[in-house]
Amino acid sequence: MKVSDDRRDAYLKAYEDWQKQLAGLHEVFLEGKALAGDQMKGLLNREARAKQRYDEARLELLGIPQAADSPFD
């Protein structure tokens, strides 16, 4: 299955961005890096937004409509 270059690039960028934010979370939760409360909130928000963008790009890559676009919702 071949996808368009735009879809492929969007997916890869979203995946790489999410992995970068996830690595930051791992530094805190698995390696014990200390953060102030507002920094932790920012880190969690960035990871959540990056994961959402990745999920959307993944669904687009697979050709699955998002919930708002689905005729079944």
PDB file of N, CA and C in Angstrom:
ATOM      1  N   MET A   1       0.843  -1.166   0.000  1.00  0.00           N
ATOM      2  CA  MET A   1       0.000   0.000   0.000  1.00  0.00           C
ATOM      3  C   MET A   1       0.892   1.233   0.000  1.00  0.00           C
ATOM      4  N   LYS A   2       0.730   2.082  -0.954  1.00  0.00           N
ATOM      5  CA  LYS A   2       1.512   3.310  -1.066  1.00  0.00           C
ATOM      6  C   LYS A   2       0.637   4.494  -0.699  1.00  0.00           C
ATOM      7  N   VAL A   3       1.138   5.352   0.165  1.00  0.00           N
ATOM      8  CA  VAL A   3       0.411   6.563   0.546  1.00  0.00           C
ATOM      9  C   VAL A   3       1.089   7.772  -0.072  1.00  0.00           C
ATOM     10  N   SER A   4       0.385   8.880  -0.083  1.00  0.00           N
ATOM     11  CA  SER A   4       0.960  10.096  -0.650  1.00  0.00           C
ATOM     12  C   SER A   4       2.140  10.565   0.202  1.00  0.00           C
ATOM     13  N   ASP A   5       3.026  11.285  -0.428  1.00  0.00           N
ATOM     14  CA  ASP A   5       4.190  11.810   0.287  1.00  0.00           C
ATOM     15  C   ASP A   5       3.769  12.760   1.404  1.00  0.00           C
ATOM     16  N   ASP A   6       2.723  13.552   1.178  1.00  0.00           N
ATOM     17  CA  ASP A   6       2.250  14.479   2.211  1.00  0.00           C
ATOM     18  C   ASP A   6       1.748  13.732   3.438  1.00  0.00           C
ATOM     19  N   ARG A   7       0.980  12.676   3.215  1.00  0.00           N
ATOM     20  CA  ARG A   7       0.469  11.874   4.330  1.00  0.00           C
ATOM     21  C   ARG A   7       1.611  11.197   5.079  1.00  0.00           C
ATOM     22  N   ARG A   8       2.535  10.658   4.316  1.00  0.00           N
ATOM     23  CA  ARG A   8       3.697   9.986   4.911  1.00  0.00           C
ATOM     24  C   ARG A   8       4.502  10.966   5.755  1.00  0.00           C
ATOM     25  N   ASP A   9       4.776  12.149   5.196  1.00  0.00           N
ATOM     26  CA  ASP A   9       5.563  13.150   5.917  1.00  0.00           C
ATOM     27  C   ASP A   9       4.852  13.634   7.178  1.00  0.00           C
ATOM     28  N   ALA A  10       3.540  13.852   7.085  1.00  0.00           N
ATOM     29  CA  ALA A  10       2.767  14.295   8.246  1.00  0.00           C
ATOM     30  C   ALA A  10       2.800  13.237   9.344  1.00  0.00           C
ATOM     31  N   TYR A  11       2.649  11.973   8.956  1.00  0.00           N
ATOM     32  CA  TYR A  11       2.686  10.881   9.925  1.00  0.00           C
ATOM     33  C   TYR A  11       4.055  10.803  10.606  1.00  0.00           C
ATOM     34  N   LEU A  12       5.121  10.822   9.810  1.00  0.00           N
ATOM     35  CA  LEU A  12       6.462  10.708  10.380  1.00  0.00           C
ATOM     36  C   LEU A  12       6.802  11.878  11.290  1.00  0.00           C
ATOM     37  N   LYS A  13       6.415  13.082  10.909  1.00  0.00           N
ATOM     38  CA  LYS A  13       6.672  14.245  11.757  1.00  0.00           C
ATOM     39  C   LYS A  13       5.903  14.124  13.066  1.00  0.00           C
ATOM     40  N   ALA A  14       4.632  13.748  12.994  1.00  0.00           N
ATOM     41  CA  ALA A  14       3.831  13.599  14.202  1.00  0.00           C
ATOM     42  C   ALA A  14       4.419  12.515  15.107  1.00  0.00           C
ATOM     43  N   TYR A  15       4.855  11.422  14.515  1.00  0.00           N
ATOM     44  CA  TYR A  15       5.449  10.333  15.301  1.00  0.00           C
ATOM     45  C   TYR A  15       6.739  10.795  15.979  1.00  0.00           C
ATOM     46  N   GLU A  16       7.595  11.458  15.229  1.00  0.00           N
ATOM     47  CA  GLU A  16       8.863  11.928  15.796  1.00  0.00           C
ATOM     48  C   GLU A  16       8.643  12.960  16.894  1.00  0.00           C
ATOM     49  N   ASP A  17       7.698  13.876  16.679  1.00  0.00           N
ATOM     50  CA  ASP A  17       7.386  14.870  17.708  1.00  0.00           C
ATOM     51  C   ASP A  17       6.869  14.213  18.977  1.00  0.00           C
ATOM     52  N   TRP A  18       5.989  13.227  18.821  1.00  0.00           N
ATOM     53  CA  TRP A  18       5.454  12.540  19.992  1.00  0.00           C
ATOM     54  C   TRP A  18       6.559  11.781  20.730  1.00  0.00           C
ATOM     55  N   GLN A  19       7.423  11.105  19.990  1.00  0.00           N
ATOM     56  CA  GLN A  19       8.504  10.358  20.628  1.00  0.00           C
ATOM     57  C   GLN A  19       9.437  11.284  21.409  1.00  0.00           C
ATOM     58  N   LYS A  20       9.664  12.485  20.883  1.00  0.00           N
ATOM     59  CA  LYS A  20      10.497  13.464  21.588  1.00  0.00           C
ATOM     60  C   LYS A  20       9.848  13.852  22.914  1.00  0.00           C
ATOM     61  N   GLN A  21       8.548  14.128  22.903  1.00  0.00           N
ATOM     62  CA  GLN A  21       7.849  14.500  24.128  1.00  0.00           C
ATOM     63  C   GLN A  21       7.758  13.323  25.094  1.00  0.00           C
ATOM     64  N   LEU A  22       7.580  12.139  24.565  1.00  0.00           N
ATOM     65  CA  LEU A  22       7.529  10.943  25.396  1.00  0.00           C
ATOM     66  C   LEU A  22       8.876  10.688  26.077  1.00  0.00           C
ATOM     67  N   ALA A  23       9.950  10.950  25.376  1.00  0.00           N
ATOM     68  CA  ALA A  23      11.283  10.803  25.978  1.00  0.00           C
ATOM     69  C   ALA A  23      11.445  11.752  27.163  1.00  0.00           C
ATOM     70  N   GLY A  24      10.882  12.958  27.039  1.00  0.00           N
ATOM     71  CA  GLY A  24      10.920  13.897  28.156  1.00  0.00           C
ATOM     72  C   GLY A  24      10.164  13.375  29.359  1.00  0.00           C
ATOM     73  N   LEU A  25       9.023  12.762  29.130  1.00  0.00           N
ATOM     74  CA  LEU A  25       8.274  12.154  30.229  1.00  0.00           C
ATOM     75  C   LEU A  25       9.052  11.015  30.868  1.00  0.00           C
ATOM     76  N   HIS A  26       9.710  10.225  30.054  1.00  0.00           N
ATOM     77  CA  HIS A  26      10.503   9.115  30.578  1.00  0.00           C
ATOM     78  C   HIS A  26      11.636   9.615  31.459  1.00  0.00           C
ATOM     79  N   GLU A  27      12.223  10.740  31.090  1.00  0.00           N
ATOM     80  CA  GLU A  27      13.292  11.306  31.929  1.00  0.00           C
ATOM     81  C   GLU A  27      12.766  11.613  33.328  1.00  0.00           C
ATOM     82  N   VAL A  28      11.551  12.110  33.405  1.00  0.00           N
ATOM     83  CA  VAL A  28      10.965  12.469  34.692  1.00  0.00           C
ATOM     84  C   VAL A  28      10.507  11.224  35.457  1.00  0.00           C
ATOM     85  N   PHE A  29       9.700  10.391  34.811  1.00  0.00           N
ATOM     86  CA  PHE A  29       9.072   9.281  35.523  1.00  0.00           C
ATOM     87  C   PHE A  29       9.952   8.044  35.669  1.00  0.00           C
ATOM     88  N   LEU A  30      10.862   7.832  34.750  1.00  0.00           N
ATOM     89  CA  LEU A  30      11.691   6.625  34.820  1.00  0.00           C
ATOM     90  C   LEU A  30      13.110   6.888  35.303  1.00  0.00           C
ATOM     91  N   GLU A  31      13.595   8.107  35.061  1.00  0.00           N
ATOM     92  CA  GLU A  31      14.978   8.409  35.436  1.00  0.00           C
ATOM     93  C   GLU A  31      15.082   9.392  36.589  1.00  0.00           C
ATOM     94  N   GLY A  32      13.953   9.912  37.056  1.00  0.00           N
ATOM     95  CA  GLY A  32      13.950  10.759  38.239  1.00  0.00           C
ATOM     96  C   GLY A  32      14.323  12.209  38.029  1.00  0.00           C
ATOM     97  N   LYS A  33      14.262  12.722  36.816  1.00  0.00           N
ATOM     98  CA  LYS A  33      14.557  14.134  36.576  1.00  0.00           C
ATOM     99  C   LYS A  33      13.514  14.980  37.306  1.00  0.00           C
ATOM    100  N   ALA A  34      13.971  15.980  38.044  1.00  0.00           N
ATOM    101  CA  ALA A  34      13.061  16.829  38.810  1.00  0.00           C
ATOM    102  C   ALA A  34      12.610  18.024  37.974  1.00  0.00           C
ATOM    103  N   LEU A  35      11.319  18.345  38.069  1.00  0.00           N
ATOM    104  CA  LEU A  35      10.755  19.514  37.400  1.00  0.00           C
ATOM    105  C   LEU A  35       9.862  20.261  38.374  1.00  0.00           C
ATOM    106  N   ALA A  36       9.784  21.571  38.201  1.00  0.00           N
ATOM    107  CA  ALA A  36       8.852  22.375  38.984  1.00  0.00           C
ATOM    108  C   ALA A  36       7.441  22.074  38.490  1.00  0.00           C
ATOM    109  N   GLY A  37       6.444  22.413  39.297  1.00  0.00           N
ATOM    110  CA  GLY A  37       5.057  22.098  38.966  1.00  0.00           C
ATOM    111  C   GLY A  37       4.610  22.633  37.621  1.00  0.00           C
ATOM    112  N   ASP A  38       4.950  23.902  37.324  1.00  0.00           N
ATOM    113  CA  ASP A  38       4.518  24.461  36.046  1.00  0.00           C
ATOM    114  C   ASP A  38       5.254  23.823  34.874  1.00  0.00           C
ATOM    115  N   GLN A  39       6.496  23.416  35.084  1.00  0.00           N
ATOM    116  CA  GLN A  39       7.237  22.716  34.026  1.00  0.00           C
ATOM    117  C   GLN A  39       6.645  21.333  33.776  1.00  0.00           C
ATOM    118  N   MET A  40       6.227  20.667  34.836  1.00  0.00           N
ATOM    119  CA  MET A  40       5.613  19.345  34.702  1.00  0.00           C
ATOM    120  C   MET A  40       4.295  19.459  33.947  1.00  0.00           C
ATOM    121  N   LYS A  41       3.503  20.463  34.294  1.00  0.00           N
ATOM    122  CA  LYS A  41       2.230  20.667  33.602  1.00  0.00           C
ATOM    123  C   LYS A  41       2.476  20.910  32.115  1.00  0.00           C
ATOM    124  N   GLY A  42       3.462  21.729  31.792  1.00  0.00           N
ATOM    125  CA  GLY A  42       3.790  21.996  30.394  1.00  0.00           C
ATOM    126  C   GLY A  42       4.233  20.741  29.670  1.00  0.00           C
ATOM    127  N   LEU A  43       5.064  19.953  30.316  1.00  0.00           N
ATOM    128  CA  LEU A  43       5.545  18.707  29.725  1.00  0.00           C
ATOM    129  C   LEU A  43       4.385  17.752  29.438  1.00  0.00           C
ATOM    130  N   LEU A  44       3.493  17.607  30.404  1.00  0.00           N
ATOM    131  CA  LEU A  44       2.341  16.722  30.220  1.00  0.00           C
ATOM    132  C   LEU A  44       1.424  17.222  29.105  1.00  0.00           C
ATOM    133  N   ASN A  45       1.213  18.527  29.047  1.00  0.00           N
ATOM    134  CA  ASN A  45       0.376  19.091  27.988  1.00  0.00           C
ATOM    135  C   ASN A  45       1.003  18.912  26.612  1.00  0.00           C
ATOM    136  N   ARG A  46       2.304  19.153  26.499  1.00  0.00           N
ATOM    137  CA  ARG A  46       2.990  18.975  25.211  1.00  0.00           C
ATOM    138  C   ARG A  46       2.925  17.525  24.744  1.00  0.00           C
ATOM    139  N   GLU A  47       3.113  16.591  25.677  1.00  0.00           N
ATOM    140  CA  GLU A  47       3.051  15.176  25.305  1.00  0.00           C
ATOM    141  C   GLU A  47       1.645  14.806  24.859  1.00  0.00           C
ATOM    142  N   ALA A  48       0.631  15.283  25.579  1.00  0.00           N
ATOM    143  CA  ALA A  48      -0.754  14.962  25.233  1.00  0.00           C
ATOM    144  C   ALA A  48      -1.121  15.515  23.856  1.00  0.00           C
ATOM    145  N   ARG A  49      -0.704  16.756  23.572  1.00  0.00           N
ATOM    146  CA  ARG A  49      -1.002  17.339  22.261  1.00  0.00           C
ATOM    147  C   ARG A  49      -0.243  16.608  21.154  1.00  0.00           C
ATOM    148  N   ALA A  50       1.002  16.243  21.411  1.00  0.00           N
ATOM    149  CA  ALA A  50       1.793  15.511  20.415  1.00  0.00           C
ATOM    150  C   ALA A  50       1.173  14.142  20.150  1.00  0.00           C
ATOM    151  N   LYS A  51       0.690  13.476  21.199  1.00  0.00           N
ATOM    152  CA  LYS A  51       0.046  12.164  21.037  1.00  0.00           C
ATOM    153  C   LYS A  51      -1.239  12.309  20.229  1.00  0.00           C
ATOM    154  N   GLN A  52      -1.998  13.364  20.476  1.00  0.00           N
ATOM    155  CA  GLN A  52      -3.234  13.597  19.727  1.00  0.00           C
ATOM    156  C   GLN A  52      -2.927  13.808  18.243  1.00  0.00           C
ATOM    157  N   ARG A  53      -1.897  14.611  17.944  1.00  0.00           N
ATOM    158  CA  ARG A  53      -1.515  14.833  16.547  1.00  0.00           C
ATOM    159  C   ARG A  53      -1.054  13.525  15.899  1.00  0.00           C
ATOM    160  N   TYR A  54      -0.313  12.708  16.645  1.00  0.00           N
ATOM    161  CA  TYR A  54       0.124  11.415  16.124  1.00  0.00           C
ATOM    162  C   TYR A  54      -1.080  10.510  15.844  1.00  0.00           C
ATOM    163  N   ASP A  55      -2.016  10.436  16.796  1.00  0.00           N
ATOM    164  CA  ASP A  55      -3.206   9.600  16.603  1.00  0.00           C
ATOM    165  C   ASP A  55      -3.988  10.036  15.364  1.00  0.00           C
ATOM    166  N   GLU A  56      -4.139  11.341  15.182  1.00  0.00           N
ATOM    167  CA  GLU A  56      -4.857  11.857  14.012  1.00  0.00           C
ATOM    168  C   GLU A  56      -4.114  11.517  12.721  1.00  0.00           C
ATOM    169  N   ALA A  57      -2.794  11.686  12.722  1.00  0.00           N
ATOM    170  CA  ALA A  57      -2.001  11.376  11.531  1.00  0.00           C
ATOM    171  C   ALA A  57      -2.040   9.872  11.233  1.00  0.00           C
ATOM    172  N   ARG A  58      -2.048   9.053  12.271  1.00  0.00           N
ATOM    173  CA  ARG A  58      -2.109   7.600  12.093  1.00  0.00           C
ATOM    174  C   ARG A  58      -3.434   7.190  11.459  1.00  0.00           C
ATOM    175  N   LEU A  59      -4.520   7.736  11.975  1.00  0.00           N
ATOM    176  CA  LEU A  59      -5.831   7.430  11.396  1.00  0.00           C
ATOM    177  C   LEU A  59      -5.904   7.885   9.942  1.00  0.00           C
ATOM    178  N   GLU A  60      -5.360   9.054   9.657  1.00  0.00           N
ATOM    179  CA  GLU A  60      -5.341   9.563   8.285  1.00  0.00           C
ATOM    180  C   GLU A  60      -4.531   8.631   7.387  1.00  0.00           C
ATOM    181  N   LEU A  61      -3.402   8.177   7.879  1.00  0.00           N
ATOM    182  CA  LEU A  61      -2.551   7.261   7.120  1.00  0.00           C
ATOM    183  C   LEU A  61      -3.289   5.960   6.816  1.00  0.00           C
ATOM    184  N   LEU A  62      -4.051   5.474   7.788  1.00  0.00           N
ATOM    185  CA  LEU A  62      -4.790   4.220   7.627  1.00  0.00           C
ATOM    186  C   LEU A  62      -6.102   4.383   6.871  1.00  0.00           C
ATOM    187  N   GLY A  63      -6.492   5.638   6.631  1.00  0.00           N
ATOM    188  CA  GLY A  63      -7.737   5.884   5.917  1.00  0.00           C
ATOM    189  C   GLY A  63      -8.973   5.702   6.770  1.00  0.00           C
ATOM    190  N   ILE A  64      -8.821   5.844   8.074  1.00  0.00           N
ATOM    191  CA  ILE A  64      -9.929   5.697   9.004  1.00  0.00           C
ATOM    192  C   ILE A  64     -10.432   7.092   9.350  1.00  0.00           C
ATOM    193  N   PRO A  65     -11.726   7.362   9.166  1.00  0.00           N
ATOM    194  CA  PRO A  65     -12.226   8.710   9.477  1.00  0.00           C
ATOM    195  C   PRO A  65     -12.167   8.976  10.976  1.00  0.00           C
ATOM    196  N   GLN A  66     -11.905  10.217  11.307  1.00  0.00           N
ATOM    197  CA  GLN A  66     -11.921  10.610  12.715  1.00  0.00           C
ATOM    198  C   GLN A  66     -13.357  10.606  13.194  1.00  0.00           C
ATOM    199  N   ALA A  67     -13.543  10.552  14.484  1.00  0.00           N
ATOM    200  CA  ALA A  67     -14.881  10.406  15.069  1.00  0.00           C
ATOM    201  C   ALA A  67     -15.845  11.483  14.565  1.00  0.00           C
ATOM    202  N   ALA A  68     -15.387  12.720  14.456  1.00  0.00           N
ATOM    203  CA  ALA A  68     -16.272  13.803  13.990  1.00  0.00           C
ATOM    204  C   ALA A  68     -16.680  13.614  12.536  1.00  0.00           C
ATOM    205  N   ASP A  69     -15.871  12.914  11.757  1.00  0.00           N
ATOM    206  CA  ASP A  69     -16.135  12.694  10.333  1.00  0.00           C
ATOM    207  C   ASP A  69     -16.882  11.395  10.078  1.00  0.00           C
ATOM    208  N   SER A  70     -16.994  10.553  11.079  1.00  0.00           N
ATOM    209  CA  SER A  70     -17.571   9.231  10.887  1.00  0.00           C
ATOM    210  C   SER A  70     -19.097   9.300  10.793  1.00  0.00           C
ATOM    211  N   PRO A  71     -19.674   8.619   9.826  1.00  0.00           N
ATOM    212  CA  PRO A  71     -21.138   8.595   9.730  1.00  0.00           C
ATOM    213  C   PRO A  71     -21.788   7.741  10.813  1.00  0.00           C
ATOM    214  N   PHE A  72     -20.984   7.029  11.605  1.00  0.00           N
ATOM    215  CA  PHE A  72     -21.516   6.117  12.615  1.00  0.00           C
ATOM    216  C   PHE A  72     -21.618   6.758  13.992  1.00  0.00           C
ATOM    217  N   ASP A  73     -21.136   7.981  14.158  1.00  0.00           N
ATOM    218  CA  ASP A  73     -21.182   8.655  15.455  1.00  0.00           C
ATOM    219  C   ASP A  73     -22.350   9.609  15.541  1.00  0.00           C
TER     220      ASP A  73
END
